[in-house]
Amino acid sequence: MPAPDRLLADTFLLGDVAAAYAARPPYPDAVVTRLVEVAGGGRVLDLGAGEGSLARPLAVAGLEVDAVERAAVMVEAGRTAPGGDHPRLRWHTEPVEELSARGPFGLAVAGDAMHWFDHAVLVPRLARVLTPGAPLVLVTRTARHPGLDALRPVIARHSRSVDHDPTYDAGRALTAAGHWTEAGRHTTDPVPFRQSPAAHLEALRSTSSLARGLMDATENAAFDAAVLAVLEPLADDDGLLTLALDATLVTGHLRGDG
């Protein structure tokens, strides 16, 4: 797999990026339901938990969850978000490659995060804290609208992720490296998600390649204007966009020797 871009990864240490996470679409309820079923009542380890968009609803659903996130600003945002102080949720502010949480865990999950990790370092550590046969599930959410295609040239013009590979697949990368055996893929049925153009712009600002801290004032203003010029005509009479939100869950089992 390509080495994680440390410079881009460090944008998640910025407070404005953590604050912008609140504008991201949630994971569909069907994801939480499926993960609860897969966990079978066992403890859950959430890798690269961000502000807890998976960890918090899983704890509320009745599971014991350990959420690992390197960015203190993300953990603080998560603690103050709904469900973030749930007694079944424990936060660990550390890189996943330095995982200190003690097992056993019946499920490990990574939501839109596995591409940031050093798999060769993480996988052996992870294998030691999972119960035999416990799965790792990679979750990727997608919010679609046909009009969003017009954002592509705007994003390409301003993105700092110059080496972005849209075909990269973390599950296939784990397979190719001999780290796991993939067991299956499932995509949830799309559900409507409504947000304002300004909120969608804020969600873009929560990404590593489009964060405000990466641009000067002139470029920030130009990016905001270009994005809103695309989004505002797509809004309905209530001033909202309606996106089709789904998620893909890729399940696999680690090979114990990493």
Protein backbone atom coordinates (compact mmCIF):
# COMPACT_ATOMS: atom_id res chain seq x y z
CA MET A 1 0.00 0.00 0.00
CA PRO A 2 1.16 3.62 -0.44
CA ALA A 3 2.69 5.13 2.69
CA PRO A 4 0.24 7.34 4.60
CA ASP A 5 0.84 11.04 3.92
CA ARG A 6 1.94 12.37 7.31
CA LEU A 7 1.47 16.01 6.33
CA LEU A 8 -2.12 15.43 5.31
CA ALA A 9 -2.74 13.18 8.32
CA ASP A 10 -1.61 15.99 10.60
CA THR A 11 -4.46 18.21 9.41
CA PHE A 12 -6.71 16.16 11.69
CA LEU A 13 -4.81 17.68 14.61
CA LEU A 14 -6.31 21.09 13.75
CA GLY A 15 -9.23 22.35 15.78
CA ASP A 16 -11.17 23.72 12.81
CA VAL A 17 -11.04 20.33 11.10
CA ALA A 18 -12.37 18.60 14.22
CA ALA A 19 -15.18 21.15 14.46
CA ALA A 20 -16.06 20.65 10.79
CA TYR A 21 -16.56 16.91 11.36
CA ALA A 22 -20.01 17.66 12.74
CA ALA A 23 -21.11 18.49 9.19
CA ARG A 24 -20.18 15.06 7.83
CA PRO A 25 -23.07 12.70 7.11
CA PRO A 26 -23.61 10.14 9.87
CA TYR A 27 -23.14 6.46 9.23
CA PRO A 28 -26.53 4.98 8.28
CA ASP A 29 -28.42 3.25 11.09
CA ALA A 30 -28.08 0.00 9.14
CA VAL A 31 -24.30 0.12 9.71
CA VAL A 32 -24.71 0.26 13.48
CA THR A 33 -27.30 -2.52 13.38
CA ARG A 34 -25.01 -4.76 11.36
CA LEU A 35 -21.96 -4.08 13.55
CA VAL A 36 -23.95 -4.88 16.68
CA GLU A 37 -24.90 -8.20 15.11
CA VAL A 38 -21.32 -8.96 14.10
CA ALA A 39 -19.96 -8.07 17.54
CA GLY A 40 -22.29 -10.58 19.17
CA GLY A 41 -22.10 -8.75 22.48
CA GLY A 42 -18.30 -8.64 22.50
CA ARG A 43 -16.20 -5.55 23.10
CA VAL A 44 -15.52 -3.31 20.10
CA LEU A 45 -12.26 -1.60 19.16
CA ASP A 46 -12.77 1.47 16.95
CA LEU A 47 -9.58 2.35 15.07
CA GLY A 48 -9.04 5.96 14.00
CA ALA A 49 -12.30 6.83 15.69
CA GLY A 50 -12.28 10.55 14.87
CA GLU A 51 -15.03 12.22 16.88
CA GLY A 52 -16.74 8.90 17.45
CA SER A 53 -19.22 8.78 14.60
CA LEU A 54 -19.19 4.98 14.94
CA ALA A 55 -18.05 4.59 18.54
CA ARG A 56 -20.76 6.76 20.05
CA PRO A 57 -23.81 5.06 18.47
CA LEU A 58 -22.29 1.63 19.12
CA ALA A 59 -21.97 2.46 22.82
CA VAL A 60 -25.51 3.81 22.91
CA ALA A 61 -26.64 0.56 21.24
CA GLY A 62 -25.29 -1.38 24.22
CA LEU A 63 -21.73 -2.37 23.28
CA GLU A 64 -18.53 -1.76 25.24
CA VAL A 65 -16.37 0.36 22.93
CA ASP A 66 -12.73 1.43 23.06
CA ALA A 67 -12.15 4.31 20.63
CA VAL A 68 -8.57 4.97 19.52
CA GLU A 69 -7.78 8.37 17.97
CA ARG A 70 -4.43 10.17 17.78
CA ALA A 71 -5.82 13.72 17.57
CA ALA A 72 -6.67 15.19 20.97
CA VAL A 73 -8.94 17.78 19.33
CA MET A 74 -10.97 14.97 17.76
CA VAL A 75 -11.29 13.16 21.09
CA GLU A 76 -12.43 16.37 22.78
CA ALA A 77 -15.01 16.94 20.03
CA GLY A 78 -16.18 13.37 20.48
CA ARG A 79 -16.48 13.60 24.25
CA THR A 80 -18.79 16.61 23.96
CA ALA A 81 -20.89 15.20 21.10
CA PRO A 82 -24.10 13.24 21.81
CA GLY A 83 -23.17 9.91 23.40
CA GLY A 84 -19.52 10.89 23.73
CA ASP A 85 -19.51 10.60 27.51
CA HIS A 86 -21.39 7.29 27.56
CA PRO A 87 -20.15 5.01 30.36
CA ARG A 88 -19.63 2.16 27.88
CA LEU A 89 -17.28 4.29 25.74
CA ARG A 90 -13.58 4.64 26.57
CA TRP A 91 -11.34 7.03 24.64
CA HIS A 92 -7.64 6.44 23.94
CA THR A 93 -5.66 9.40 22.59
CA GLU A 94 -2.86 7.65 20.72
CA PRO A 95 -1.93 6.41 17.24
CA VAL A 96 -3.43 3.03 16.44
CA GLU A 97 0.09 1.75 15.75
CA GLU A 98 0.79 2.33 19.48
CA LEU A 99 -2.40 0.58 20.55
CA SER A 100 -2.46 0.17 24.34
CA ALA A 101 -6.04 -1.00 24.87
CA ARG A 102 -6.20 -4.45 26.39
CA GLY A 103 -8.32 -7.14 24.79
CA PRO A 104 -10.03 -9.30 24.21
CA PHE A 105 -12.19 -7.63 21.59
CA GLY A 106 -14.91 -9.37 19.62
CA LEU A 107 -14.78 -6.85 16.77
CA ALA A 108 -12.42 -4.24 15.37
CA VAL A 109 -13.82 -1.56 13.11
CA ALA A 110 -12.28 1.26 11.08
CA GLY A 111 -14.60 3.88 9.62
CA ASP A 112 -13.13 5.72 6.63
CA ALA A 113 -9.71 5.45 8.27
CA MET A 114 -7.77 2.32 7.33
CA HIS A 115 -5.83 4.08 4.57
CA TRP A 116 -4.14 6.29 7.17
CA PHE A 117 -2.50 3.44 9.09
CA ASP A 118 0.79 1.57 8.81
CA HIS A 119 -0.71 -1.86 8.27
CA ALA A 120 2.55 -3.73 8.86
CA VAL A 121 2.80 -2.25 12.36
CA LEU A 122 -0.89 -2.30 13.25
CA VAL A 123 -1.93 -5.77 12.14
CA PRO A 124 0.26 -7.80 14.53
CA ARG A 125 -0.82 -5.61 17.47
CA LEU A 126 -4.44 -5.93 16.46
CA ALA A 127 -4.24 -9.69 16.05
CA ARG A 128 -3.04 -10.01 19.65
CA VAL A 129 -6.07 -8.25 21.15
CA LEU A 130 -8.83 -9.81 19.02
CA THR A 131 -10.49 -13.01 20.16
CA PRO A 132 -9.83 -15.97 17.82
CA GLY A 133 -12.00 -15.57 14.75
CA ALA A 134 -13.05 -12.01 15.58
CA PRO A 135 -13.39 -9.88 12.44
CA LEU A 136 -12.06 -6.54 11.33
CA VAL A 137 -14.71 -4.52 9.50
CA LEU A 138 -13.82 -1.57 7.27
CA VAL A 139 -16.67 0.89 6.78
CA THR A 140 -16.85 3.52 4.05
CA ARG A 141 -19.79 5.91 3.75
CA THR A 142 -20.79 7.72 0.57
CA ALA A 143 -23.29 10.55 0.03
CA ARG A 144 -24.36 10.85 -3.61
CA HIS A 145 -26.14 13.44 -5.72
CA PRO A 146 -25.84 13.66 -9.52
CA GLY A 147 -25.12 17.37 -9.32
CA LEU A 148 -22.03 16.82 -7.17
CA ASP A 149 -20.05 15.73 -10.23
CA ALA A 150 -19.62 19.43 -10.99
CA LEU A 151 -17.54 19.77 -7.82
CA ARG A 152 -14.80 17.52 -9.15
CA PRO A 153 -12.82 20.19 -11.04
CA VAL A 154 -13.18 22.58 -8.09
CA ILE A 155 -11.82 19.99 -5.68
CA ALA A 156 -9.04 18.98 -8.07
CA ARG A 157 -7.97 22.60 -8.38
CA HIS A 158 -7.62 23.11 -4.62
CA SER A 159 -6.92 19.66 -3.16
CA ARG A 160 -3.60 19.09 -1.42
CA SER A 161 -3.86 15.35 -2.03
CA VAL A 162 -1.89 15.40 -5.27
CA ASP A 163 -1.28 11.64 -5.21
CA HIS A 164 -4.88 10.69 -4.41
CA ASP A 165 -5.81 7.35 -5.95
CA PRO A 166 -9.61 7.04 -6.22
CA THR A 167 -9.26 3.31 -6.95
CA TYR A 168 -7.44 2.53 -3.67
CA ASP A 169 -9.25 -0.14 -1.65
CA ALA A 170 -8.01 -0.83 1.88
CA GLY A 171 -9.50 -4.32 1.96
CA ARG A 172 -7.75 -5.35 -1.23
CA ALA A 173 -4.53 -3.74 0.03
CA LEU A 174 -4.70 -5.86 3.18
CA THR A 175 -5.25 -8.95 1.06
CA ALA A 176 -2.39 -8.14 -1.31
CA ALA A 177 -0.01 -7.65 1.62
CA GLY A 178 -1.04 -10.95 3.19
CA HIS A 179 -2.46 -9.26 6.28
CA TRP A 180 -5.96 -10.68 6.15
CA THR A 181 -8.47 -12.89 4.39
CA GLU A 182 -11.47 -10.99 3.14
CA ALA A 183 -14.76 -12.64 4.07
CA GLY A 184 -17.34 -10.46 2.35
CA ARG A 185 -18.72 -7.08 1.34
CA HIS A 186 -22.09 -5.52 2.01
CA THR A 187 -23.50 -2.17 0.93
CA THR A 188 -26.45 -0.74 2.82
CA ASP A 189 -29.56 0.48 1.04
CA PRO A 190 -29.38 4.22 0.34
CA VAL A 191 -31.26 6.52 2.69
CA PRO A 192 -31.94 10.24 2.21
CA PHE A 193 -29.69 12.71 3.98
CA ARG A 194 -30.52 16.41 3.89
CA GLN A 195 -28.13 19.26 4.54
CA SER A 196 -27.62 22.84 3.46
CA PRO A 197 -25.02 23.83 0.86
CA ALA A 198 -23.09 25.57 3.65
CA ALA A 199 -23.05 22.36 5.69
CA HIS A 200 -21.84 20.35 2.70
CA LEU A 201 -19.05 22.88 2.20
CA GLU A 202 -18.15 22.49 5.87
CA ALA A 203 -18.00 18.71 5.44
CA LEU A 204 -15.50 19.19 2.61
CA ARG A 205 -13.46 21.37 4.96
CA SER A 206 -13.25 18.43 7.39
CA THR A 207 -11.12 16.46 4.92
CA SER A 208 -7.35 16.32 5.06
CA SER A 209 -6.86 17.79 1.59
CA LEU A 210 -9.28 20.72 1.75
CA ALA A 211 -8.87 22.01 5.30
CA ARG A 212 -8.87 25.77 5.77
CA GLY A 213 -5.48 25.63 7.45
CA LEU A 214 -3.92 24.42 4.20
CA MET A 215 -4.98 27.48 2.19
CA ASP A 216 -4.38 31.20 2.49
CA ALA A 217 -7.27 33.65 2.86
CA THR A 218 -7.56 34.32 -0.87
CA GLU A 219 -7.70 30.65 -1.80
CA ASN A 220 -10.12 29.87 1.02
CA ALA A 221 -12.52 32.52 -0.24
CA ALA A 222 -12.20 31.31 -3.84
CA PHE A 223 -12.84 27.70 -2.86
CA ASP A 224 -15.89 28.57 -0.75
CA ALA A 225 -17.38 30.66 -3.55
CA ALA A 226 -16.78 28.00 -6.20
CA VAL A 227 -18.31 25.23 -4.09
CA LEU A 228 -21.39 27.25 -3.18
CA ALA A 229 -21.85 28.26 -6.82
CA VAL A 230 -22.25 24.56 -7.62
CA LEU A 231 -24.33 23.57 -4.59
CA GLU A 232 -26.81 26.39 -4.14
CA PRO A 233 -28.67 25.76 -7.44
CA LEU A 234 -29.12 22.13 -6.35
CA ALA A 235 -30.97 23.07 -3.17
CA ASP A 236 -34.75 22.66 -2.88
CA ASP A 237 -37.29 25.26 -1.75
CA ASP A 238 -36.21 24.66 1.84
CA GLY A 239 -32.63 25.50 0.92
CA LEU A 240 -31.46 21.91 1.42
CA LEU A 241 -29.71 19.27 -0.64
CA THR A 242 -31.05 15.72 -0.56
CA LEU A 243 -28.23 13.19 -0.85
CA ALA A 244 -28.43 9.40 -1.12
CA LEU A 245 -26.40 8.05 1.79
CA ASP A 246 -25.07 4.50 1.94
CA ALA A 247 -22.11 2.63 3.36
CA THR A 248 -20.02 -0.36 2.38
CA LEU A 249 -18.78 -2.79 5.02
CA VAL A 250 -15.81 -5.00 4.14
CA THR A 251 -15.27 -7.84 6.59
CA GLY A 252 -12.12 -9.90 6.98
CA HIS A 253 -10.03 -11.94 9.40
CA LEU A 254 -6.44 -11.08 10.21
CA ARG A 255 -3.58 -13.46 9.68
CA GLY A 256 -2.05 -13.69 13.12
CA ASP A 257 1.56 -13.22 12.11
CA GLY A 258 0.71 -9.87 10.46
